Amino acid sequence: MEKKKQERAVVHLEKDGRHYYYGNLKALTDHWSKDDIGVSYTYLKNLNITEEKPYRNDRCVIRRGLIVTSTRRS
């Protein structure tokens, strides 16, 4: 059996010195309102957010990256 490396996208929100992790931008904005984070889903989805190029404002920092998990047998 072949082992496959598992990589998954993750969205990282840094707010008030705390760190939160989401599977995608929609999940993040379903949990936090525009008033909470200072930006809407519609605006965020049109940006090319990466770990090196995060979105920043006076309320939060949002980054996109990868989570690498252990290998799995198929």
C-alpha atoms as a PDB file:
ATOM      1  CA  MET A   1       0.000   0.000   0.000  1.00  0.00           C
ATOM      2  CA  GLU A   2       1.171   3.474  -0.874  1.00  0.00           C
ATOM      3  CA  LYS A   3       1.437   6.155   1.797  1.00  0.00           C
ATOM      4  CA  LYS A   4       0.149   9.610   0.918  1.00  0.00           C
ATOM      5  CA  LYS A   5       1.347  12.839   2.483  1.00  0.00           C
ATOM      6  CA  GLN A   6      -1.591  14.807   3.822  1.00  0.00           C
ATOM      7  CA  GLU A   7      -1.591  18.577   3.314  1.00  0.00           C
ATOM      8  CA  ARG A   8      -4.582  20.733   4.056  1.00  0.00           C
ATOM      9  CA  ALA A   9      -5.233  24.432   3.714  1.00  0.00           C
ATOM     10  CA  VAL A  10      -5.646  26.428   6.905  1.00  0.00           C
ATOM     11  CA  VAL A  11      -6.677  30.006   7.592  1.00  0.00           C
ATOM     12  CA  HIS A  12      -5.022  31.528  10.652  1.00  0.00           C
ATOM     13  CA  LEU A  13      -6.626  34.446  12.496  1.00  0.00           C
ATOM     14  CA  GLU A  14      -4.581  36.396  15.032  1.00  0.00           C
ATOM     15  CA  LYS A  15      -6.791  38.650  17.148  1.00  0.00           C
ATOM     16  CA  ASP A  16      -6.095  40.274  20.506  1.00  0.00           C
ATOM     17  CA  GLY A  17      -2.975  38.144  20.986  1.00  0.00           C
ATOM     18  CA  ARG A  18      -4.882  34.882  20.460  1.00  0.00           C
ATOM     19  CA  HIS A  19      -4.669  32.464  17.541  1.00  0.00           C
ATOM     20  CA  TYR A  20      -7.586  30.728  15.808  1.00  0.00           C
ATOM     21  CA  TYR A  21      -7.517  28.250  12.918  1.00  0.00           C
ATOM     22  CA  TYR A  22     -10.150  27.574  10.258  1.00  0.00           C
ATOM     23  CA  GLY A  23     -10.479  25.326   7.229  1.00  0.00           C
ATOM     24  CA  ASN A  24     -11.344  28.237   4.921  1.00  0.00           C
ATOM     25  CA  LEU A  25     -12.241  31.920   4.859  1.00  0.00           C
ATOM     26  CA  LYS A  26     -15.972  31.196   4.888  1.00  0.00           C
ATOM     27  CA  ALA A  27     -15.666  29.269   8.155  1.00  0.00           C
ATOM     28  CA  LEU A  28     -13.715  32.164   9.670  1.00  0.00           C
ATOM     29  CA  THR A  29     -16.275  34.774   8.623  1.00  0.00           C
ATOM     30  CA  ASP A  30     -19.175  32.541   9.701  1.00  0.00           C
ATOM     31  CA  HIS A  31     -17.632  32.588  13.190  1.00  0.00           C
ATOM     32  CA  TRP A  32     -16.524  36.269  13.317  1.00  0.00           C
ATOM     33  CA  SER A  33     -18.611  39.220  12.115  1.00  0.00           C
ATOM     34  CA  LYS A  34     -17.333  42.145  10.068  1.00  0.00           C
ATOM     35  CA  ASP A  35     -17.629  44.229  13.250  1.00  0.00           C
ATOM     36  CA  ASP A  36     -15.395  41.733  15.101  1.00  0.00           C
ATOM     37  CA  ILE A  37     -12.574  41.494  12.557  1.00  0.00           C
ATOM     38  CA  GLY A  38     -13.080  44.663  10.520  1.00  0.00           C
ATOM     39  CA  VAL A  39     -13.401  42.955   7.138  1.00  0.00           C
ATOM     40  CA  SER A  40     -16.049  41.014   5.201  1.00  0.00           C
ATOM     41  CA  TYR A  41     -15.895  37.617   3.513  1.00  0.00           C
ATOM     42  CA  THR A  42     -16.577  39.231   0.130  1.00  0.00           C
ATOM     43  CA  TYR A  43     -13.508  41.443   0.475  1.00  0.00           C
ATOM     44  CA  LEU A  44     -11.251  38.668   1.807  1.00  0.00           C
ATOM     45  CA  LYS A  45     -12.110  36.141  -0.896  1.00  0.00           C
ATOM     46  CA  ASN A  46     -10.811  38.515  -3.579  1.00  0.00           C
ATOM     47  CA  LEU A  47      -7.397  38.874  -1.933  1.00  0.00           C
ATOM     48  CA  ASN A  48      -4.487  36.531  -2.480  1.00  0.00           C
ATOM     49  CA  ILE A  49      -3.760  35.931   1.206  1.00  0.00           C
ATOM     50  CA  THR A  50      -0.720  33.777   1.955  1.00  0.00           C
ATOM     51  CA  GLU A  51       1.567  33.192   4.916  1.00  0.00           C
ATOM     52  CA  GLU A  52       4.053  35.657   3.435  1.00  0.00           C
ATOM     53  CA  LYS A  53       1.365  38.148   2.359  1.00  0.00           C
ATOM     54  CA  PRO A  54      -1.233  38.295   5.148  1.00  0.00           C
ATOM     55  CA  TYR A  55      -4.214  40.600   5.419  1.00  0.00           C
ATOM     56  CA  ARG A  56      -3.709  43.101   8.272  1.00  0.00           C
ATOM     57  CA  ASN A  57      -5.858  45.756   9.844  1.00  0.00           C
ATOM     58  CA  ASP A  58      -6.068  47.325  13.306  1.00  0.00           C
ATOM     59  CA  ARG A  59      -8.211  44.432  14.627  1.00  0.00           C
ATOM     60  CA  CYS A  60      -6.553  41.291  13.280  1.00  0.00           C
ATOM     61  CA  VAL A  61      -4.090  39.501  11.009  1.00  0.00           C
ATOM     62  CA  ILE A  62      -5.307  36.771   8.645  1.00  0.00           C
ATOM     63  CA  ARG A  63      -2.913  34.333   6.950  1.00  0.00           C
ATOM     64  CA  ARG A  64      -3.391  31.299   4.730  1.00  0.00           C
ATOM     65  CA  GLY A  65      -1.076  28.305   4.901  1.00  0.00           C
ATOM     66  CA  LEU A  66      -0.809  24.535   4.954  1.00  0.00           C
ATOM     67  CA  ILE A  67      -1.081  21.982   7.721  1.00  0.00           C
ATOM     68  CA  VAL A  68       0.961  18.860   7.122  1.00  0.00           C
ATOM     69  CA  THR A  69      -0.346  15.735   8.829  1.00  0.00           C
ATOM     70  CA  SER A  70       1.125  12.277   9.191  1.00  0.00           C
ATOM     71  CA  THR A  71       1.081   9.966   6.195  1.00  0.00           C
ATOM     72  CA  ARG A  72      -1.833   7.628   5.594  1.00  0.00           C
ATOM     73  CA  ARG A  73      -2.115   4.341   3.834  1.00  0.00           C
ATOM     74  CA  SER A  74      -4.529   4.262   0.943  1.00  0.00           C
END
